[in-house]
Amino acid sequence: MEAGIGTLTRLGNERVDAVLVVVEPTPKSVEVGVRAAGLAEEKSLGRVIVVASRIRSEADMDTMRAAFAGYEIVAIPDDAAIVNADRMGVAPLDMAPDSPAVAALCSLARSLLPVPA
């Protein structure tokens, strides 16, 4: 979806399985992400997961932990394989399935699957 909180404001009171708030470790991104996570929680939309994208250092994660205390945070490392795949017009999963970012994204995807009964 588009950046910002517009989609969340238009959802009404419908519940979803999870709201993924994708944030980069920049002040503007964190600011918008904090508003989005807060709105999703306020509206009780469902599980809120902060996807900390393009993480380059422990300092980046410290920024995320400080801004999103109490939220589940999933770190996706900054990874040249993602940029290279995008430049070549292919899916990172196809081009570099063992790259750190792809592994983190696959782990996130698995965590969103329903638990078998």
PDB file of N, CA and C in Angstrom:
ATOM      1  N   MET A   1       0.841  -1.173   0.000  1.00  0.00           N
ATOM      2  CA  MET A   1       0.000   0.000   0.000  1.00  0.00           C
ATOM      3  C   MET A   1       0.887   1.237   0.000  1.00  0.00           C
ATOM      4  N   GLU A   2       0.254   2.370  -0.156  1.00  0.00           N
ATOM      5  CA  GLU A   2       1.024   3.602  -0.206  1.00  0.00           C
ATOM      6  C   GLU A   2       1.550   3.972   1.176  1.00  0.00           C
ATOM      7  N   ALA A   3       2.592   4.790   1.178  1.00  0.00           N
ATOM      8  CA  ALA A   3       3.158   5.258   2.438  1.00  0.00           C
ATOM      9  C   ALA A   3       2.166   6.171   3.141  1.00  0.00           C
ATOM     10  N   GLY A   4       2.195   6.143   4.440  1.00  0.00           N
ATOM     11  CA  GLY A   4       1.335   7.014   5.223  1.00  0.00           C
ATOM     12  C   GLY A   4       0.247   6.246   5.944  1.00  0.00           C
ATOM     13  N   ILE A   5      -0.696   6.990   6.493  1.00  0.00           N
ATOM     14  CA  ILE A   5      -1.745   6.360   7.301  1.00  0.00           C
ATOM     15  C   ILE A   5      -3.112   6.392   6.634  1.00  0.00           C
ATOM     16  N   GLY A   6      -3.164   6.859   5.383  1.00  0.00           N
ATOM     17  CA  GLY A   6      -4.449   6.973   4.693  1.00  0.00           C
ATOM     18  C   GLY A   6      -5.225   5.678   4.629  1.00  0.00           C
ATOM     19  N   THR A   7      -4.554   4.591   4.318  1.00  0.00           N
ATOM     20  CA  THR A   7      -5.232   3.300   4.232  1.00  0.00           C
ATOM     21  C   THR A   7      -5.850   2.921   5.569  1.00  0.00           C
ATOM     22  N   LEU A   8      -5.135   3.159   6.647  1.00  0.00           N
ATOM     23  CA  LEU A   8      -5.659   2.821   7.976  1.00  0.00           C
ATOM     24  C   LEU A   8      -6.878   3.659   8.331  1.00  0.00           C
ATOM     25  N   THR A   9      -6.891   4.913   7.918  1.00  0.00           N
ATOM     26  CA  THR A   9      -8.033   5.765   8.242  1.00  0.00           C
ATOM     27  C   THR A   9      -9.274   5.340   7.467  1.00  0.00           C
ATOM     28  N   ARG A  10      -9.071   4.722   6.299  1.00  0.00           N
ATOM     29  CA  ARG A  10     -10.210   4.300   5.482  1.00  0.00           C
ATOM     30  C   ARG A  10     -10.712   2.888   5.808  1.00  0.00           C
ATOM     31  N   LEU A  11     -10.006   2.153   6.640  1.00  0.00           N
ATOM     32  CA  LEU A  11     -10.404   0.774   6.942  1.00  0.00           C
ATOM     33  C   LEU A  11     -11.690   0.671   7.743  1.00  0.00           C
ATOM     34  N   GLY A  12     -12.075   1.721   8.410  1.00  0.00           N
ATOM     35  CA  GLY A  12     -13.256   1.621   9.268  1.00  0.00           C
ATOM     36  C   GLY A  12     -12.929   0.782  10.480  1.00  0.00           C
ATOM     37  N   ASN A  13     -13.875  -0.039  10.903  1.00  0.00           N
ATOM     38  CA  ASN A  13     -13.674  -0.861  12.098  1.00  0.00           C
ATOM     39  C   ASN A  13     -13.440  -2.326  11.762  1.00  0.00           C
ATOM     40  N   GLU A  14     -13.102  -2.614  10.528  1.00  0.00           N
ATOM     41  CA  GLU A  14     -12.850  -3.998  10.138  1.00  0.00           C
ATOM     42  C   GLU A  14     -11.569  -4.495  10.762  1.00  0.00           C
ATOM     43  N   ARG A  15     -11.572  -5.758  11.202  1.00  0.00           N
ATOM     44  CA  ARG A  15     -10.369  -6.362  11.764  1.00  0.00           C
ATOM     45  C   ARG A  15      -9.609  -7.101  10.684  1.00  0.00           C
ATOM     46  N   VAL A  16      -8.324  -7.161  10.856  1.00  0.00           N
ATOM     47  CA  VAL A  16      -7.453  -7.898   9.950  1.00  0.00           C
ATOM     48  C   VAL A  16      -6.586  -8.816  10.808  1.00  0.00           C
ATOM     49  N   ASP A  17      -5.964  -9.792  10.174  1.00  0.00           N
ATOM     50  CA  ASP A  17      -5.086 -10.692  10.922  1.00  0.00           C
ATOM     51  C   ASP A  17      -3.858  -9.961  11.449  1.00  0.00           C
ATOM     52  N   ALA A  18      -3.281  -9.094  10.636  1.00  0.00           N
ATOM     53  CA  ALA A  18      -2.084  -8.367  11.045  1.00  0.00           C
ATOM     54  C   ALA A  18      -1.965  -7.068  10.266  1.00  0.00           C
ATOM     55  N   VAL A  19      -1.439  -6.071  10.928  1.00  0.00           N
ATOM     56  CA  VAL A  19      -1.100  -4.803  10.294  1.00  0.00           C
ATOM     57  C   VAL A  19       0.419  -4.713  10.308  1.00  0.00           C
ATOM     58  N   LEU A  20       1.020  -4.658   9.125  1.00  0.00           N
ATOM     59  CA  LEU A  20       2.464  -4.516   9.014  1.00  0.00           C
ATOM     60  C   LEU A  20       2.781  -3.044   8.798  1.00  0.00           C
ATOM     61  N   VAL A  21       3.514  -2.470   9.723  1.00  0.00           N
ATOM     62  CA  VAL A  21       3.932  -1.082   9.613  1.00  0.00           C
ATOM     63  C   VAL A  21       5.405  -1.115   9.206  1.00  0.00           C
ATOM     64  N   VAL A  22       5.681  -0.819   7.944  1.00  0.00           N
ATOM     65  CA  VAL A  22       7.043  -0.889   7.413  1.00  0.00           C
ATOM     66  C   VAL A  22       7.710   0.465   7.604  1.00  0.00           C
ATOM     67  N   VAL A  23       8.848   0.437   8.298  1.00  0.00           N
ATOM     68  CA  VAL A  23       9.523   1.667   8.690  1.00  0.00           C
ATOM     69  C   VAL A  23      11.014   1.556   8.413  1.00  0.00           C
ATOM     70  N   GLU A  24      11.586   2.620   7.905  1.00  0.00           N
ATOM     71  CA  GLU A  24      13.035   2.709   7.769  1.00  0.00           C
ATOM     72  C   GLU A  24      13.566   3.553   8.929  1.00  0.00           C
ATOM     73  N   PRO A  25      14.835   3.393   9.273  1.00  0.00           N
ATOM     74  CA  PRO A  25      15.375   4.120  10.426  1.00  0.00           C
ATOM     75  C   PRO A  25      15.730   5.574  10.108  1.00  0.00           C
ATOM     76  N   THR A  26      14.739   6.304   9.617  1.00  0.00           N
ATOM     77  CA  THR A  26      14.906   7.734   9.356  1.00  0.00           C
ATOM     78  C   THR A  26      13.856   8.473  10.177  1.00  0.00           C
ATOM     79  N   PRO A  27      14.125   9.701  10.571  1.00  0.00           N
ATOM     80  CA  PRO A  27      13.161  10.418  11.419  1.00  0.00           C
ATOM     81  C   PRO A  27      11.751  10.507  10.830  1.00  0.00           C
ATOM     82  N   LYS A  28      11.630  10.845   9.557  1.00  0.00           N
ATOM     83  CA  LYS A  28      10.301  10.987   8.946  1.00  0.00           C
ATOM     84  C   LYS A  28       9.572   9.642   8.892  1.00  0.00           C
ATOM     85  N   SER A  29      10.277   8.595   8.500  1.00  0.00           N
ATOM     86  CA  SER A  29       9.664   7.273   8.431  1.00  0.00           C
ATOM     87  C   SER A  29       9.207   6.814   9.807  1.00  0.00           C
ATOM     88  N   VAL A  30      10.043   7.021  10.804  1.00  0.00           N
ATOM     89  CA  VAL A  30       9.681   6.635  12.170  1.00  0.00           C
ATOM     90  C   VAL A  30       8.471   7.434  12.639  1.00  0.00           C
ATOM     91  N   GLU A  31       8.446   8.723  12.347  1.00  0.00           N
ATOM     92  CA  GLU A  31       7.321   9.563  12.755  1.00  0.00           C
ATOM     93  C   GLU A  31       6.002   9.047  12.175  1.00  0.00           C
ATOM     94  N   VAL A  32       5.997   8.763  10.881  1.00  0.00           N
ATOM     95  CA  VAL A  32       4.781   8.256  10.229  1.00  0.00           C
ATOM     96  C   VAL A  32       4.449   6.863  10.764  1.00  0.00           C
ATOM     97  N   GLY A  33       5.472   6.035  10.968  1.00  0.00           N
ATOM     98  CA  GLY A  33       5.257   4.691  11.494  1.00  0.00           C
ATOM     99  C   GLY A  33       4.646   4.687  12.882  1.00  0.00           C
ATOM    100  N   VAL A  34       5.095   5.584  13.737  1.00  0.00           N
ATOM    101  CA  VAL A  34       4.539   5.678  15.092  1.00  0.00           C
ATOM    102  C   VAL A  34       3.058   6.054  15.015  1.00  0.00           C
ATOM    103  N   ARG A  35       2.726   6.988  14.133  1.00  0.00           N
ATOM    104  CA  ARG A  35       1.311   7.367  13.969  1.00  0.00           C
ATOM    105  C   ARG A  35       0.491   6.194  13.436  1.00  0.00           C
ATOM    106  N   ALA A  36       1.047   5.465  12.468  1.00  0.00           N
ATOM    107  CA  ALA A  36       0.325   4.328  11.882  1.00  0.00           C
ATOM    108  C   ALA A  36       0.111   3.224  12.910  1.00  0.00           C
ATOM    109  N   ALA A  37       1.151   2.869  13.648  1.00  0.00           N
ATOM    110  CA  ALA A  37       1.027   1.816  14.660  1.00  0.00           C
ATOM    111  C   ALA A  37       0.025   2.218  15.730  1.00  0.00           C
ATOM    112  N   GLY A  38       0.091   3.464  16.151  1.00  0.00           N
ATOM    113  CA  GLY A  38      -0.853   3.950  17.160  1.00  0.00           C
ATOM    114  C   GLY A  38      -2.286   3.914  16.680  1.00  0.00           C
ATOM    115  N   LEU A  39      -2.502   4.302  15.437  1.00  0.00           N
ATOM    116  CA  LEU A  39      -3.855   4.283  14.869  1.00  0.00           C
ATOM    117  C   LEU A  39      -4.371   2.857  14.746  1.00  0.00           C
ATOM    118  N   ALA A  40      -3.526   1.940  14.282  1.00  0.00           N
ATOM    119  CA  ALA A  40      -3.939   0.545  14.158  1.00  0.00           C
ATOM    120  C   ALA A  40      -4.309  -0.027  15.520  1.00  0.00           C
ATOM    121  N   GLU A  41      -3.531   0.331  16.533  1.00  0.00           N
ATOM    122  CA  GLU A  41      -3.829  -0.152  17.887  1.00  0.00           C
ATOM    123  C   GLU A  41      -5.104   0.496  18.429  1.00  0.00           C
ATOM    124  N   GLU A  42      -5.233   1.789  18.219  1.00  0.00           N
ATOM    125  CA  GLU A  42      -6.414   2.525  18.689  1.00  0.00           C
ATOM    126  C   GLU A  42      -7.701   1.947  18.094  1.00  0.00           C
ATOM    127  N   LYS A  43      -7.633   1.557  16.822  1.00  0.00           N
ATOM    128  CA  LYS A  43      -8.807   1.009  16.145  1.00  0.00           C
ATOM    129  C   LYS A  43      -8.963  -0.494  16.370  1.00  0.00           C
ATOM    130  N   SER A  44      -8.040  -1.083  17.142  1.00  0.00           N
ATOM    131  CA  SER A  44      -8.067  -2.531  17.424  1.00  0.00           C
ATOM    132  C   SER A  44      -8.202  -3.336  16.136  1.00  0.00           C
ATOM    133  N   LEU A  45      -7.379  -3.007  15.151  1.00  0.00           N
ATOM    134  CA  LEU A  45      -7.483  -3.661  13.851  1.00  0.00           C
ATOM    135  C   LEU A  45      -6.965  -5.094  13.866  1.00  0.00           C
ATOM    136  N   GLY A  46      -6.017  -5.378  14.713  1.00  0.00           N
ATOM    137  CA  GLY A  46      -5.419  -6.704  14.765  1.00  0.00           C
ATOM    138  C   GLY A  46      -3.988  -6.600  15.248  1.00  0.00           C
ATOM    139  N   ARG A  47      -3.259  -7.677  15.120  1.00  0.00           N
ATOM    140  CA  ARG A  47      -1.857  -7.740  15.532  1.00  0.00           C
ATOM    141  C   ARG A  47      -1.049  -6.692  14.760  1.00  0.00           C
ATOM    142  N   VAL A  48      -0.291  -5.881  15.473  1.00  0.00           N
ATOM    143  CA  VAL A  48       0.529  -4.848  14.844  1.00  0.00           C
ATOM    144  C   VAL A  48       1.992  -5.302  14.889  1.00  0.00           C
ATOM    145  N   ILE A  49       2.606  -5.377  13.718  1.00  0.00           N
ATOM    146  CA  ILE A  49       4.009  -5.769  13.599  1.00  0.00           C
ATOM    147  C   ILE A  49       4.748  -4.639  12.901  1.00  0.00           C
ATOM    148  N   VAL A  50       5.795  -4.167  13.542  1.00  0.00           N
ATOM    149  CA  VAL A  50       6.635  -3.140  12.939  1.00  0.00           C
ATOM    150  C   VAL A  50       7.745  -3.852  12.171  1.00  0.00           C
ATOM    151  N   VAL A  51       7.798  -3.613  10.879  1.00  0.00           N
ATOM    152  CA  VAL A  51       8.833  -4.189  10.027  1.00  0.00           C
ATOM    153  C   VAL A  51       9.909  -3.120   9.852  1.00  0.00           C
ATOM    154  N   ALA A  52      11.008  -3.309  10.563  1.00  0.00           N
ATOM    155  CA  ALA A  52      12.113  -2.359  10.531  1.00  0.00           C
ATOM    156  C   ALA A  52      12.979  -2.687   9.321  1.00  0.00           C
ATOM    157  N   SER A  53      12.814  -1.923   8.271  1.00  0.00           N
ATOM    158  CA  SER A  53      13.457  -2.208   6.992  1.00  0.00           C
ATOM    159  C   SER A  53      14.762  -1.432   6.842  1.00  0.00           C
ATOM    160  N   ARG A  54      15.699  -2.031   6.085  1.00  0.00           N
ATOM    161  CA  ARG A  54      16.982  -1.407   5.777  1.00  0.00           C
ATOM    162  C   ARG A  54      17.799  -1.112   7.028  1.00  0.00           C
ATOM    163  N   ILE A  55      17.819  -2.057   7.940  1.00  0.00           N
ATOM    164  CA  ILE A  55      18.575  -1.908   9.176  1.00  0.00           C
ATOM    165  C   ILE A  55      20.062  -2.132   8.884  1.00  0.00           C
ATOM    166  N   ARG A  56      20.869  -1.160   9.230  1.00  0.00           N
ATOM    167  CA  ARG A  56      22.307  -1.206   8.937  1.00  0.00           C
ATOM    168  C   ARG A  56      23.172  -1.417  10.177  1.00  0.00           C
ATOM    169  N   SER A  57      22.626  -1.157  11.366  1.00  0.00           N
ATOM    170  CA  SER A  57      23.454  -1.210  12.568  1.00  0.00           C
ATOM    171  C   SER A  57      22.587  -1.430  13.803  1.00  0.00           C
ATOM    172  N   GLU A  58      23.259  -1.700  14.902  1.00  0.00           N
ATOM    173  CA  GLU A  58      22.555  -1.828  16.178  1.00  0.00           C
ATOM    174  C   GLU A  58      21.926  -0.490  16.567  1.00  0.00           C
ATOM    175  N   ALA A  59      22.563   0.612  16.169  1.00  0.00           N
ATOM    176  CA  ALA A  59      21.992   1.940  16.444  1.00  0.00           C
ATOM    177  C   ALA A  59      20.638   2.099  15.742  1.00  0.00           C
ATOM    178  N   ASP A  60      20.520   1.571  14.518  1.00  0.00           N
ATOM    179  CA  ASP A  60      19.227   1.608  13.813  1.00  0.00           C
ATOM    180  C   ASP A  60      18.172   0.854  14.613  1.00  0.00           C
ATOM    181  N   MET A  61      18.545  -0.312  15.131  1.00  0.00           N
ATOM    182  CA  MET A  61      17.582  -1.097  15.926  1.00  0.00           C
ATOM    183  C   MET A  61      17.257  -0.390  17.236  1.00  0.00           C
ATOM    184  N   ASP A  62      18.229   0.269  17.838  1.00  0.00           N
ATOM    185  CA  ASP A  62      17.956   1.036  19.057  1.00  0.00           C
ATOM    186  C   ASP A  62      16.916   2.120  18.783  1.00  0.00           C
ATOM    187  N   THR A  63      17.027   2.758  17.621  1.00  0.00           N
ATOM    188  CA  THR A  63      16.042   3.772  17.223  1.00  0.00           C
ATOM    189  C   THR A  63      14.651   3.150  17.138  1.00  0.00           C
ATOM    190  N   MET A  64      14.563   1.990  16.516  1.00  0.00           N
ATOM    191  CA  MET A  64      13.273   1.312  16.368  1.00  0.00           C
ATOM    192  C   MET A  64      12.706   0.893  17.730  1.00  0.00           C
ATOM    193  N   ARG A  65      13.552   0.310  18.574  1.00  0.00           N
ATOM    194  CA  ARG A  65      13.083  -0.134  19.895  1.00  0.00           C
ATOM    195  C   ARG A  65      12.578   1.044  20.726  1.00  0.00           C
ATOM    196  N   ALA A  66      13.264   2.170  20.644  1.00  0.00           N
ATOM    197  CA  ALA A  66      12.850   3.352  21.399  1.00  0.00           C
ATOM    198  C   ALA A  66      11.523   3.903  20.888  1.00  0.00           C
ATOM    199  N   ALA A  67      11.377   3.950  19.583  1.00  0.00           N
ATOM    200  CA  ALA A  67      10.161   4.526  18.981  1.00  0.00           C
ATOM    201  C   ALA A  67       8.966   3.600  19.096  1.00  0.00           C
ATOM    202  N   PHE A  68       9.209   2.281  19.070  1.00  0.00           N
ATOM    203  CA  PHE A  68       8.111   1.319  19.020  1.00  0.00           C
ATOM    204  C   PHE A  68       8.123   0.379  20.222  1.00  0.00           C
ATOM    205  N   ALA A  69       8.404   0.944  21.384  1.00  0.00           N
ATOM    206  CA  ALA A  69       8.403   0.140  22.614  1.00  0.00           C
ATOM    207  C   ALA A  69       7.033  -0.508  22.785  1.00  0.00           C
ATOM    208  N   GLY A  70       7.038  -1.791  23.092  1.00  0.00           N
ATOM    209  CA  GLY A  70       5.784  -2.511  23.295  1.00  0.00           C
ATOM    210  C   GLY A  70       5.233  -3.170  22.042  1.00  0.00           C
ATOM    211  N   TYR A  71       5.795  -2.861  20.895  1.00  0.00           N
ATOM    212  CA  TYR A  71       5.353  -3.471  19.641  1.00  0.00           C
ATOM    213  C   TYR A  71       6.292  -4.601  19.244  1.00  0.00           C
ATOM    214  N   GLU A  72       5.763  -5.558  18.526  1.00  0.00           N
ATOM    215  CA  GLU A  72       6.583  -6.601  17.932  1.00  0.00           C
ATOM    216  C   GLU A  72       7.363  -5.963  16.784  1.00  0.00           C
ATOM    217  N   ILE A  73       8.681  -6.138  16.774  1.00  0.00           N
ATOM    218  CA  ILE A  73       9.528  -5.548  15.733  1.00  0.00           C
ATOM    219  C   ILE A  73      10.275  -6.667  15.021  1.00  0.00           C
ATOM    220  N   VAL A  74      10.216  -6.656  13.706  1.00  0.00           N
ATOM    221  CA  VAL A  74      10.950  -7.607  12.882  1.00  0.00           C
ATOM    222  C   VAL A  74      11.970  -6.820  12.070  1.00  0.00           C
ATOM    223  N   ALA A  75      13.245  -7.161  12.225  1.00  0.00           N
ATOM    224  CA  ALA A  75      14.310  -6.448  11.529  1.00  0.00           C
ATOM    225  C   ALA A  75      14.591  -7.080  10.166  1.00  0.00           C
ATOM    226  N   ILE A  76      14.652  -6.240   9.158  1.00  0.00           N
ATOM    227  CA  ILE A  76      15.049  -6.655   7.810  1.00  0.00           C
ATOM    228  C   ILE A  76      16.341  -5.896   7.498  1.00  0.00           C
ATOM    229  N   PRO A  77      17.454  -6.617   7.376  1.00  0.00           N
ATOM    230  CA  PRO A  77      18.726  -5.909   7.164  1.00  0.00           C
ATOM    231  C   PRO A  77      18.803  -5.251   5.792  1.00  0.00           C
ATOM    232  N   ASP A  78      19.562  -4.154   5.738  1.00  0.00           N
ATOM    233  CA  ASP A  78      19.858  -3.538   4.453  1.00  0.00           C
ATOM    234  C   ASP A  78      20.672  -4.556   3.659  1.00  0.00           C
ATOM    235  N   ASP A  79      20.303  -4.796   2.433  1.00  0.00           N
ATOM    236  CA  ASP A  79      20.897  -5.905   1.691  1.00  0.00           C
ATOM    237  C   ASP A  79      20.995  -5.528   0.215  1.00  0.00           C
ATOM    238  N   ALA A  80      22.204  -5.516  -0.295  1.00  0.00           N
ATOM    239  CA  ALA A  80      22.420  -5.171  -1.706  1.00  0.00           C
ATOM    240  C   ALA A  80      21.700  -6.124  -2.647  1.00  0.00           C
ATOM    241  N   ALA A  81      21.446  -7.352  -2.205  1.00  0.00           N
ATOM    242  CA  ALA A  81      20.753  -8.318  -3.065  1.00  0.00           C
ATOM    243  C   ALA A  81      19.349  -7.828  -3.437  1.00  0.00           C
ATOM    244  N   ILE A  82      18.703  -7.118  -2.552  1.00  0.00           N
ATOM    245  CA  ILE A  82      17.357  -6.596  -2.833  1.00  0.00           C
ATOM    246  C   ILE A  82      17.447  -5.532  -3.927  1.00  0.00           C
ATOM    247  N   VAL A  83      18.394  -4.627  -3.796  1.00  0.00           N
ATOM    248  CA  VAL A  83      18.586  -3.568  -4.790  1.00  0.00           C
ATOM    249  C   VAL A  83      18.971  -4.169  -6.139  1.00  0.00           C
ATOM    250  N   ASN A  84      19.870  -5.126  -6.136  1.00  0.00           N
ATOM    251  CA  ASN A  84      20.302  -5.757  -7.384  1.00  0.00           C
ATOM    252  C   ASN A  84      19.152  -6.477  -8.079  1.00  0.00           C
ATOM    253  N   ALA A  85      18.351  -7.190  -7.328  1.00  0.00           N
ATOM    254  CA  ALA A  85      17.205  -7.888  -7.915  1.00  0.00           C
ATOM    255  C   ALA A  85      16.227  -6.888  -8.518  1.00  0.00           C
ATOM    256  N   ASP A  86      15.985  -5.787  -7.812  1.00  0.00           N
ATOM    257  CA  ASP A  86      15.075  -4.761  -8.312  1.00  0.00           C
ATOM    258  C   ASP A  86      15.595  -4.173  -9.619  1.00  0.00           C
ATOM    259  N   ARG A  87      16.887  -3.919  -9.677  1.00  0.00           N
ATOM    260  CA  ARG A  87      17.483  -3.371 -10.901  1.00  0.00           C
ATOM    261  C   ARG A  87      17.365  -4.334 -12.075  1.00  0.00           C
ATOM    262  N   MET A  88      17.408  -5.616 -11.781  1.00  0.00           N
ATOM    263  CA  MET A  88      17.311  -6.624 -12.842  1.00  0.00           C
ATOM    264  C   MET A  88      15.864  -7.015 -13.136  1.00  0.00           C
ATOM    265  N   GLY A  89      14.926  -6.497 -12.347  1.00  0.00           N
ATOM    266  CA  GLY A  89      13.516  -6.786 -12.578  1.00  0.00           C
ATOM    267  C   GLY A  89      13.099  -8.193 -12.184  1.00  0.00           C
ATOM    268  N   VAL A  90      13.792  -8.778 -11.212  1.00  0.00           N
ATOM    269  CA  VAL A  90      13.447 -10.120 -10.753  1.00  0.00           C
ATOM    270  C   VAL A  90      13.158 -10.089  -9.257  1.00  0.00           C
ATOM    271  N   ALA A  91      12.481 -11.097  -8.805  1.00  0.00           N
ATOM    272  CA  ALA A  91      12.169 -11.205  -7.380  1.00  0.00           C
ATOM    273  C   ALA A  91      13.434 -11.542  -6.601  1.00  0.00           C
ATOM    274  N   PRO A  92      13.682 -10.866  -5.488  1.00  0.00           N
ATOM    275  CA  PRO A  92      14.841 -11.200  -4.667  1.00  0.00           C
ATOM    276  C   PRO A  92      14.863 -12.671  -4.258  1.00  0.00           C
ATOM    277  N   LEU A  93      13.711 -13.256  -4.035  1.00  0.00           N
ATOM    278  CA  LEU A  93      13.625 -14.664  -3.653  1.00  0.00           C
ATOM    279  C   LEU A  93      14.191 -15.565  -4.745  1.00  0.00           C
ATOM    280  N   ASP A  94      13.993 -15.180  -6.008  1.00  0.00           N
ATOM    281  CA  ASP A  94      14.517 -15.958  -7.127  1.00  0.00           C
ATOM    282  C   ASP A  94      16.005 -15.706  -7.347  1.00  0.00           C
ATOM    283  N   MET A  95      16.433 -14.462  -7.169  1.00  0.00           N
ATOM    284  CA  MET A  95      17.809 -14.099  -7.472  1.00  0.00           C
ATOM    285  C   MET A  95      18.780 -14.447  -6.333  1.00  0.00           C
ATOM    286  N   ALA A  96      18.351 -14.215  -5.102  1.00  0.00           N
ATOM    287  CA  ALA A  96      19.258 -14.400  -3.956  1.00  0.00           C
ATOM    288  C   ALA A  96      18.496 -14.990  -2.774  1.00  0.00           C
ATOM    289  N   PRO A  97      18.029 -16.238  -2.909  1.00  0.00           N
ATOM    290  CA  PRO A  97      17.181 -16.811  -1.859  1.00  0.00           C
ATOM    291  C   PRO A  97      17.872 -16.952  -0.505  1.00  0.00           C
ATOM    292  N   ASP A  98      19.197 -16.932  -0.485  1.00  0.00           N
ATOM    293  CA  ASP A  98      19.923 -17.080   0.778  1.00  0.00           C
ATOM    294  C   ASP A  98      20.432 -15.757   1.345  1.00  0.00           C
ATOM    295  N   SER A  99      20.040 -14.652   0.744  1.00  0.00           N
ATOM    296  CA  SER A  99      20.515 -13.363   1.244  1.00  0.00           C
ATOM    297  C   SER A  99      19.873 -13.064   2.605  1.00  0.00           C
ATOM    298  N   PRO A 100      20.534 -12.255   3.422  1.00  0.00           N
ATOM    299  CA  PRO A 100      20.001 -11.965   4.760  1.00  0.00           C
ATOM    300  C   PRO A 100      18.603 -11.341   4.751  1.00  0.00           C
ATOM    301  N   ALA A 101      18.355 -10.404   3.852  1.00  0.00           N
ATOM    302  CA  ALA A 101      17.036  -9.762   3.824  1.00  0.00           C
ATOM    303  C   ALA A 101      15.954 -10.737   3.377  1.00  0.00           C
ATOM    304  N   VAL A 102      16.242 -11.540   2.373  1.00  0.00           N
ATOM    305  CA  VAL A 102      15.262 -12.534   1.906  1.00  0.00           C
ATOM    306  C   VAL A 102      14.966 -13.527   3.021  1.00  0.00           C
ATOM    307  N   ALA A 103      15.987 -13.967   3.725  1.00  0.00           N
ATOM    308  CA  ALA A 103      15.771 -14.902   4.846  1.00  0.00           C
ATOM    309  C   ALA A 103      14.890 -14.268   5.917  1.00  0.00           C
ATOM    310  N   ALA A 104      15.127 -13.002   6.230  1.00  0.00           N
ATOM    311  CA  ALA A 104      14.313 -12.318   7.237  1.00  0.00           C
ATOM    312  C   ALA A 104      12.869 -12.155   6.769  1.00  0.00           C
ATOM    313  N   LEU A 105      12.688 -11.826   5.493  1.00  0.00           N
ATOM    314  CA  LEU A 105      11.332 -11.681   4.954  1.00  0.00           C
ATOM    315  C   LEU A 105      10.593 -13.017   4.918  1.00  0.00           C
ATOM    316  N   CYS A 106      11.293 -14.086   4.579  1.00  0.00           N
ATOM    317  CA  CYS A 106      10.667 -15.416   4.583  1.00  0.00           C
ATOM    318  C   CYS A 106      10.261 -15.809   5.992  1.00  0.00           C
ATOM    319  N   SER A 107      11.092 -15.490   6.955  1.00  0.00           N
ATOM    320  CA  SER A 107      10.765 -15.779   8.348  1.00  0.00           C
ATOM    321  C   SER A 107       9.518 -14.993   8.782  1.00  0.00           C
ATOM    322  N   LEU A 108       9.453 -13.741   8.391  1.00  0.00           N
ATOM    323  CA  LEU A 108       8.267 -12.930   8.686  1.00  0.00           C
ATOM    324  C   LEU A 108       7.024 -13.550   8.050  1.00  0.00           C
ATOM    325  N   ALA A 109       7.132 -13.939   6.790  1.00  0.00           N
ATOM    326  CA  ALA A 109       5.984 -14.539   6.085  1.00  0.00           C
ATOM    327  C   ALA A 109       5.524 -15.808   6.807  1.00  0.00           C
ATOM    328  N   ARG A 110       6.467 -16.656   7.223  1.00  0.00           N
ATOM    329  CA  ARG A 110       6.089 -17.871   7.950  1.00  0.00           C
ATOM    330  C   ARG A 110       5.384 -17.542   9.261  1.00  0.00           C
ATOM    331  N   SER A 111       5.803 -16.480   9.918  1.00  0.00           N
ATOM    332  CA  SER A 111       5.188 -16.107  11.202  1.00  0.00           C
ATOM    333  C   SER A 111       3.748 -15.624  11.035  1.00  0.00           C
ATOM    334  N   LEU A 112       3.382 -15.253   9.819  1.00  0.00           N
ATOM    335  CA  LEU A 112       2.024 -14.764   9.552  1.00  0.00           C
ATOM    336  C   LEU A 112       1.060 -15.890   9.179  1.00  0.00           C
ATOM    337  N   LEU A 113       1.589 -17.064   8.896  1.00  0.00           N
ATOM    338  CA  LEU A 113       0.741 -18.199   8.526  1.00  0.00           C
ATOM    339  C   LEU A 113      -0.018 -18.705   9.740  1.00  0.00           C
ATOM    340  N   PRO A 114      -1.234 -19.184   9.537  1.00  0.00           N
ATOM    341  CA  PRO A 114      -1.986 -19.737  10.666  1.00  0.00           C
ATOM    342  C   PRO A 114      -1.286 -20.976  11.232  1.00  0.00           C
ATOM    343  N   VAL A 115      -1.406 -21.142  12.521  1.00  0.00           N
ATOM    344  CA  VAL A 115      -0.843 -22.310  13.189  1.00  0.00           C
ATOM    345  C   VAL A 115      -1.763 -23.495  12.916  1.00  0.00           C
ATOM    346  N   PRO A 116      -1.194 -24.622  12.409  1.00  0.00           N
ATOM    347  CA  PRO A 116      -2.036 -25.794  12.129  1.00  0.00           C
ATOM    348  C   PRO A 116      -2.673 -26.317  13.418  1.00  0.00           C
ATOM    349  N   ALA A 117      -3.884 -26.786  13.299  1.00  0.00           N
ATOM    350  CA  ALA A 117      -4.613 -27.286  14.477  1.00  0.00           C
ATOM    351  C   ALA A 117      -4.168 -28.676  14.853  1.00  0.00           C
TER     352      ALA A 117
END
